[in-house]
C-alpha atoms as a PDB file:
ATOM      1  CA  UNK A   1      21.147  -4.155 -42.922  1.00  0.00           C
ATOM      2  CA  UNK A   2      19.744  -0.813 -42.037  1.00  0.00           C
ATOM      3  CA  UNK A   3      18.595  -0.040 -38.411  1.00  0.00           C
ATOM      4  CA  UNK A   4      15.145   1.341 -38.157  1.00  0.00           C
ATOM      5  CA  UNK A   5      16.267   4.023 -35.749  1.00  0.00           C
ATOM      6  CA  UNK A   6      19.475   6.066 -35.990  1.00  0.00           C
ATOM      7  CA  UNK A   7      20.216   8.372 -33.428  1.00  0.00           C
ATOM      8  CA  UNK A   8      22.792  10.234 -35.502  1.00  0.00           C
ATOM      9  CA  UNK A   9      20.632  10.905 -38.332  1.00  0.00           C
ATOM     10  CA  UNK A  10      17.773  11.952 -35.758  1.00  0.00           C
ATOM     11  CA  UNK A  11      20.216  14.588 -34.276  1.00  0.00           C
ATOM     12  CA  UNK A  12      21.072  15.795 -37.635  1.00  0.00           C
ATOM     13  CA  UNK A  13      17.344  16.453 -38.490  1.00  0.00           C
ATOM     14  CA  UNK A  14      16.879  18.062 -35.191  1.00  0.00           C
ATOM     15  CA  UNK A  15      19.950  20.221 -35.976  1.00  0.00           C
ATOM     16  CA  UNK A  16      18.407  21.041 -39.346  1.00  0.00           C
ATOM     17  CA  UNK A  17      15.167  22.183 -37.977  1.00  0.00           C
ATOM     18  CA  UNK A  18      16.807  24.403 -35.477  1.00  0.00           C
ATOM     19  CA  UNK A  19      19.000  25.999 -38.091  1.00  0.00           C
ATOM     20  CA  UNK A  20      16.036  26.290 -40.481  1.00  0.00           C
ATOM     21  CA  UNK A  21      13.973  28.305 -37.802  1.00  0.00           C
ATOM     22  CA  UNK A  22      16.857  30.269 -36.920  1.00  0.00           C
ATOM     23  CA  UNK A  23      17.238  31.474 -40.567  1.00  0.00           C
ATOM     24  CA  UNK A  24      13.626  31.794 -41.237  1.00  0.00           C
ATOM     25  CA  UNK A  25      13.812  34.276 -38.110  1.00  0.00           C
ATOM     26  CA  UNK A  26      16.682  36.010 -39.530  1.00  0.00           C
ATOM     27  CA  UNK A  27      14.877  36.416 -42.908  1.00  0.00           C
ATOM     28  CA  UNK A  28      11.698  37.673 -41.177  1.00  0.00           C
ATOM     29  CA  UNK A  29      13.724  40.439 -39.242  1.00  0.00           C
ATOM     30  CA  UNK A  30      15.351  41.445 -42.607  1.00  0.00           C
ATOM     31  CA  UNK A  31      12.014  41.822 -44.283  1.00  0.00           C
ATOM     32  CA  UNK A  32      10.589  43.826 -41.203  1.00  0.00           C
ATOM     33  CA  UNK A  33      13.824  46.030 -41.171  1.00  0.00           C
ATOM     34  CA  UNK A  34      13.786  46.601 -44.924  1.00  0.00           C
ATOM     35  CA  UNK A  35      10.247  47.925 -44.846  1.00  0.00           C
ATOM     36  CA  UNK A  36      10.431  49.867 -41.610  1.00  0.00           C
ATOM     37  CA  UNK A  37      12.887  52.733 -42.458  1.00  0.00           C
ATOM     38  CA  UNK A  38      14.089  54.587 -45.285  1.00  0.00           C
ATOM     39  CA  UNK A  39      18.036  53.744 -44.591  1.00  0.00           C
ATOM     40  CA  UNK A  40      17.709  50.466 -46.592  1.00  0.00           C
ATOM     41  CA  UNK A  41      19.807  50.535 -49.415  1.00  0.00           C
ATOM     42  CA  UNK A  42      20.189  47.654 -51.942  1.00  0.00           C
ATOM     43  CA  UNK A  43      23.634  46.556 -52.801  1.00  0.00           C
ATOM     44  CA  UNK A  44      25.475  44.581 -55.415  1.00  0.00           C
ATOM     45  CA  UNK A  45      26.828  41.245 -54.392  1.00  0.00           C
ATOM     46  CA  UNK A  46      30.589  40.673 -55.032  1.00  0.00           C
ATOM     47  CA  UNK A  47      30.884  38.431 -58.058  1.00  0.00           C
ATOM     48  CA  UNK A  48      33.055  36.135 -56.054  1.00  0.00           C
ATOM     49  CA  UNK A  49      29.792  34.917 -53.987  1.00  0.00           C
ATOM     50  CA  UNK A  50      28.667  33.115 -57.472  1.00  0.00           C
ATOM     51  CA  UNK A  51      32.169  31.433 -57.706  1.00  0.00           C
ATOM     52  CA  UNK A  52      31.858  30.114 -54.054  1.00  0.00           C
ATOM     53  CA  UNK A  53      28.388  29.242 -54.918  1.00  0.00           C
ATOM     54  CA  UNK A  54      29.769  26.787 -57.915  1.00  0.00           C
ATOM     55  CA  UNK A  55      32.410  25.452 -55.374  1.00  0.00           C
ATOM     56  CA  UNK A  56      29.824  24.517 -52.872  1.00  0.00           C
ATOM     57  CA  UNK A  57      27.589  23.006 -55.253  1.00  0.00           C
ATOM     58  CA  UNK A  58      30.450  20.835 -56.569  1.00  0.00           C
ATOM     59  CA  UNK A  59      31.226  19.803 -53.087  1.00  0.00           C
ATOM     60  CA  UNK A  60      27.808  17.990 -52.976  1.00  0.00           C
ATOM     61  CA  UNK A  61      28.565  16.154 -56.218  1.00  0.00           C
ATOM     62  CA  UNK A  62      31.831  14.750 -54.955  1.00  0.00           C
ATOM     63  CA  UNK A  63      30.321  14.043 -51.545  1.00  0.00           C
ATOM     64  CA  UNK A  64      27.660  11.965 -53.248  1.00  0.00           C
ATOM     65  CA  UNK A  65      30.313  10.261 -55.342  1.00  0.00           C
ATOM     66  CA  UNK A  66      32.533   9.506 -52.183  1.00  0.00           C
ATOM     67  CA  UNK A  67      29.718   8.373 -49.952  1.00  0.00           C
ATOM     68  CA  UNK A  68      27.991   6.087 -52.543  1.00  0.00           C
ATOM     69  CA  UNK A  69      31.464   4.308 -53.456  1.00  0.00           C
ATOM     70  CA  UNK A  70      32.417   3.983 -49.628  1.00  0.00           C
ATOM     71  CA  UNK A  71      29.148   2.285 -48.986  1.00  0.00           C
ATOM     72  CA  UNK A  72      29.473   0.187 -51.918  1.00  0.00           C
ATOM     73  CA  UNK A  73      33.131  -0.861 -51.064  1.00  0.00           C
ATOM     74  CA  UNK A  74      31.987  -1.635 -47.364  1.00  0.00           C
ATOM     75  CA  UNK A  75      29.280  -3.791 -48.621  1.00  0.00           C
ATOM     76  CA  UNK A  76      31.272  -5.496 -51.019  1.00  0.00           C
ATOM     77  CA  UNK A  77      33.671  -6.776 -48.254  1.00  0.00           C
ATOM     78  CA  UNK A  78      30.851  -7.408 -45.835  1.00  0.00           C
ATOM     79  CA  UNK A  79      30.752 -10.904 -46.499  1.00  0.00           C
ATOM     80  CA  UNK A  80      34.282 -11.464 -45.172  1.00  0.00           C
ATOM     81  CA  UNK A  81      33.881  -9.804 -41.680  1.00  0.00           C
ATOM     82  CA  UNK A  82      37.541 -10.661 -40.715  1.00  0.00           C
ATOM     83  CA  UNK A  83      38.655  -8.458 -43.622  1.00  0.00           C
ATOM     84  CA  UNK A  84      36.498  -5.402 -42.922  1.00  0.00           C
ATOM     85  CA  UNK A  85      38.780  -4.207 -40.226  1.00  0.00           C
ATOM     86  CA  UNK A  86      41.625  -3.633 -42.435  1.00  0.00           C
ATOM     87  CA  UNK A  87      39.899  -2.417 -45.671  1.00  0.00           C
ATOM     88  CA  UNK A  88      40.528   0.865 -47.335  1.00  0.00           C
ATOM     89  CA  UNK A  89      37.065   1.759 -48.832  1.00  0.00           C
ATOM     90  CA  UNK A  90      37.201   3.242 -52.185  1.00  0.00           C
ATOM     91  CA  UNK A  91      35.608   6.821 -52.530  1.00  0.00           C
ATOM     92  CA  UNK A  92      37.845   8.411 -49.810  1.00  0.00           C
ATOM     93  CA  UNK A  93      39.457  10.577 -52.525  1.00  0.00           C
ATOM     94  CA  UNK A  94      36.159  11.904 -53.237  1.00  0.00           C
ATOM     95  CA  UNK A  95      35.555  12.593 -49.813  1.00  0.00           C
ATOM     96  CA  UNK A  96      38.865  14.375 -49.510  1.00  0.00           C
ATOM     97  CA  UNK A  97      38.040  16.757 -52.373  1.00  0.00           C
ATOM     98  CA  UNK A  98      34.770  17.458 -50.778  1.00  0.00           C
ATOM     99  CA  UNK A  99      36.589  18.668 -47.593  1.00  0.00           C
ATOM    100  CA  UNK A 100      39.145  20.630 -49.980  1.00  0.00           C
ATOM    101  CA  UNK A 101      36.152  22.274 -51.717  1.00  0.00           C
ATOM    102  CA  UNK A 102      34.286  23.009 -48.293  1.00  0.00           C
ATOM    103  CA  UNK A 103      37.740  24.806 -47.188  1.00  0.00           C
ATOM    104  CA  UNK A 104      37.694  26.622 -50.661  1.00  0.00           C
ATOM    105  CA  UNK A 105      34.342  27.855 -50.277  1.00  0.00           C
ATOM    106  CA  UNK A 106      35.361  29.202 -46.742  1.00  0.00           C
ATOM    107  CA  UNK A 107      38.457  30.832 -48.207  1.00  0.00           C
ATOM    108  CA  UNK A 108      36.437  32.456 -50.834  1.00  0.00           C
ATOM    109  CA  UNK A 109      33.971  33.767 -48.337  1.00  0.00           C
ATOM    110  CA  UNK A 110      36.882  35.304 -46.371  1.00  0.00           C
ATOM    111  CA  UNK A 111      38.052  36.965 -49.468  1.00  0.00           C
ATOM    112  CA  UNK A 112      34.539  38.374 -50.014  1.00  0.00           C
ATOM    113  CA  UNK A 113      34.354  39.839 -46.387  1.00  0.00           C
ATOM    114  CA  UNK A 114      38.069  41.175 -46.745  1.00  0.00           C
ATOM    115  CA  UNK A 115      36.969  42.942 -50.046  1.00  0.00           C
ATOM    116  CA  UNK A 116      34.050  44.463 -48.581  1.00  0.00           C
ATOM    117  CA  UNK A 117      36.104  45.574 -45.621  1.00  0.00           C
ATOM    118  CA  UNK A 118      38.683  47.067 -47.940  1.00  0.00           C
ATOM    119  CA  UNK A 119      35.708  48.862 -49.405  1.00  0.00           C
ATOM    120  CA  UNK A 120      34.753  50.278 -45.956  1.00  0.00           C
ATOM    121  CA  UNK A 121      31.901  48.251 -46.036  1.00  0.00           C
ATOM    122  CA  UNK A 122      31.434  46.594 -42.452  1.00  0.00           C
ATOM    123  CA  UNK A 123      28.651  44.933 -40.238  1.00  0.00           C
ATOM    124  CA  UNK A 124      27.928  48.576 -38.771  1.00  0.00           C
ATOM    125  CA  UNK A 125      27.988  50.276 -42.215  1.00  0.00           C
ATOM    126  CA  UNK A 126      24.243  49.864 -42.897  1.00  0.00           C
ATOM    127  CA  UNK A 127      21.480  47.745 -41.994  1.00  0.00           C
ATOM    128  CA  UNK A 128      21.825  45.821 -45.445  1.00  0.00           C
ATOM    129  CA  UNK A 129      25.329  45.024 -44.637  1.00  0.00           C
ATOM    130  CA  UNK A 130      24.563  43.881 -41.253  1.00  0.00           C
ATOM    131  CA  UNK A 131      22.137  41.383 -42.573  1.00  0.00           C
ATOM    132  CA  UNK A 132      24.718  40.205 -45.570  1.00  0.00           C
ATOM    133  CA  UNK A 133      27.365  39.675 -42.931  1.00  0.00           C
ATOM    134  CA  UNK A 134      25.003  37.962 -40.477  1.00  0.00           C
ATOM    135  CA  UNK A 135      24.006  35.450 -43.060  1.00  0.00           C
ATOM    136  CA  UNK A 136      26.981  34.646 -44.682  1.00  0.00           C
ATOM    137  CA  UNK A 137      28.972  34.419 -41.349  1.00  0.00           C
ATOM    138  CA  UNK A 138      26.495  32.225 -39.835  1.00  0.00           C
ATOM    139  CA  UNK A 139      26.473  29.841 -42.982  1.00  0.00           C
ATOM    140  CA  UNK A 140      30.276  29.763 -42.972  1.00  0.00           C
ATOM    141  CA  UNK A 141      30.040  28.765 -39.232  1.00  0.00           C
ATOM    142  CA  UNK A 142      27.725  25.797 -39.760  1.00  0.00           C
ATOM    143  CA  UNK A 143      29.532  24.844 -42.758  1.00  0.00           C
ATOM    144  CA  UNK A 144      32.721  24.649 -40.714  1.00  0.00           C
ATOM    145  CA  UNK A 145      30.802  22.363 -38.542  1.00  0.00           C
ATOM    146  CA  UNK A 146      30.092  19.952 -41.431  1.00  0.00           C
ATOM    147  CA  UNK A 147      33.719  20.078 -42.459  1.00  0.00           C
ATOM    148  CA  UNK A 148      34.557  18.875 -38.765  1.00  0.00           C
ATOM    149  CA  UNK A 149      31.953  16.180 -38.805  1.00  0.00           C
ATOM    150  CA  UNK A 150      33.084  14.986 -42.356  1.00  0.00           C
ATOM    151  CA  UNK A 151      36.673  15.058 -41.135  1.00  0.00           C
ATOM    152  CA  UNK A 152      35.994  12.995 -38.274  1.00  0.00           C
ATOM    153  CA  UNK A 153      34.111  10.462 -40.419  1.00  0.00           C
ATOM    154  CA  UNK A 154      36.932  10.264 -42.734  1.00  0.00           C
ATOM    155  CA  UNK A 155      39.311   9.533 -39.586  1.00  0.00           C
ATOM    156  CA  UNK A 156      37.143   6.712 -38.501  1.00  0.00           C
ATOM    157  CA  UNK A 157      36.877   5.262 -41.888  1.00  0.00           C
ATOM    158  CA  UNK A 158      40.604   5.314 -42.457  1.00  0.00           C
ATOM    159  CA  UNK A 159      41.440   3.881 -39.094  1.00  0.00           C
ATOM    160  CA  UNK A 160      38.576   1.242 -39.396  1.00  0.00           C
ATOM    161  CA  UNK A 161      37.361   2.161 -36.049  1.00  0.00           C
ATOM    162  CA  UNK A 162      34.079   1.489 -36.641  1.00  0.00           C
ATOM    163  CA  UNK A 163      32.913  -2.239 -36.519  1.00  0.00           C
ATOM    164  CA  UNK A 164      29.561  -1.473 -38.312  1.00  0.00           C
ATOM    165  CA  UNK A 165      29.460  -0.061 -41.775  1.00  0.00           C
ATOM    166  CA  UNK A 166      29.734   3.844 -41.797  1.00  0.00           C
ATOM    167  CA  UNK A 167      26.301   3.943 -43.516  1.00  0.00           C
ATOM    168  CA  UNK A 168      24.593   5.920 -40.557  1.00  0.00           C
ATOM    169  CA  UNK A 169      27.096   8.496 -39.461  1.00  0.00           C
ATOM    170  CA  UNK A 170      28.406   9.120 -43.084  1.00  0.00           C
ATOM    171  CA  UNK A 171      24.715   9.319 -44.111  1.00  0.00           C
ATOM    172  CA  UNK A 172      23.923  11.643 -41.476  1.00  0.00           C
ATOM    173  CA  UNK A 173      27.135  13.893 -42.280  1.00  0.00           C
ATOM    174  CA  UNK A 174      26.206  13.964 -46.054  1.00  0.00           C
ATOM    175  CA  UNK A 175      22.687  14.902 -45.014  1.00  0.00           C
ATOM    176  CA  UNK A 176      23.886  17.932 -43.312  1.00  0.00           C
ATOM    177  CA  UNK A 177      26.258  18.976 -46.001  1.00  0.00           C
ATOM    178  CA  UNK A 178      23.549  18.551 -48.751  1.00  0.00           C
ATOM    179  CA  UNK A 179      21.467  20.803 -46.261  1.00  0.00           C
ATOM    180  CA  UNK A 180      24.311  23.415 -46.223  1.00  0.00           C
ATOM    181  CA  UNK A 181      24.136  23.686 -49.899  1.00  0.00           C
ATOM    182  CA  UNK A 182      20.654  23.902 -50.012  1.00  0.00           C
ATOM    183  CA  UNK A 183      20.622  26.531 -47.167  1.00  0.00           C
ATOM    184  CA  UNK A 184      23.160  28.480 -49.204  1.00  0.00           C
ATOM    185  CA  UNK A 185      20.962  28.426 -52.257  1.00  0.00           C
ATOM    186  CA  UNK A 186      18.294  29.938 -50.348  1.00  0.00           C
ATOM    187  CA  UNK A 187      20.489  32.659 -48.614  1.00  0.00           C
ATOM    188  CA  UNK A 188      21.829  33.406 -52.265  1.00  0.00           C
ATOM    189  CA  UNK A 189      18.157  34.098 -53.334  1.00  0.00           C
ATOM    190  CA  UNK A 190      17.503  36.126 -50.361  1.00  0.00           C
ATOM    191  CA  UNK A 191      20.843  38.233 -50.875  1.00  0.00           C
ATOM    192  CA  UNK A 192      20.037  38.797 -54.390  1.00  0.00           C
ATOM    193  CA  UNK A 193      16.208  39.714 -54.271  1.00  0.00           C
ATOM    194  CA  UNK A 194      16.405  41.604 -51.016  1.00  0.00           C
ATOM    195  CA  UNK A 195      19.633  43.034 -50.888  1.00  0.00           C
END
């Protein structure tokens, strides 16, 4: 049975709203800066960015598979409340894979930044690269928060610390993760079109 109010989900929505406003402000600043001076240069994005995008999109698929299977196995055993505490829900492997893909995305982003630094292209090189680094680093930090939250949920599920089904907290973590994917697609579009 679903609760009408979920503080966890509400907190995630507040966080999503704040992150959205922040990135909208950064986008606005970039558009204003691009038109304000002649020193704006268009850059070619590293090809690894597109591979990283596929990794992140795949992580949303594995997350959806994992969360639906965890919920299904939890509901399947909910009729026998005595057995709930010791179950190992199905779908945890998918959630582990989601975490691994999230970490692989971050590793790919580190490679992108190292590659650019190896070419002498840093935050202070030009306004274009400054916005590139700001957008991608901030997204990576927010995704790292999602990795921590999902890892915490996995730990709780494995230890069966929650007496209630993991619907609320796991659903909130999944919502945040999917938002990170949508935000990345938005950022990629901005990076391709404006940088």
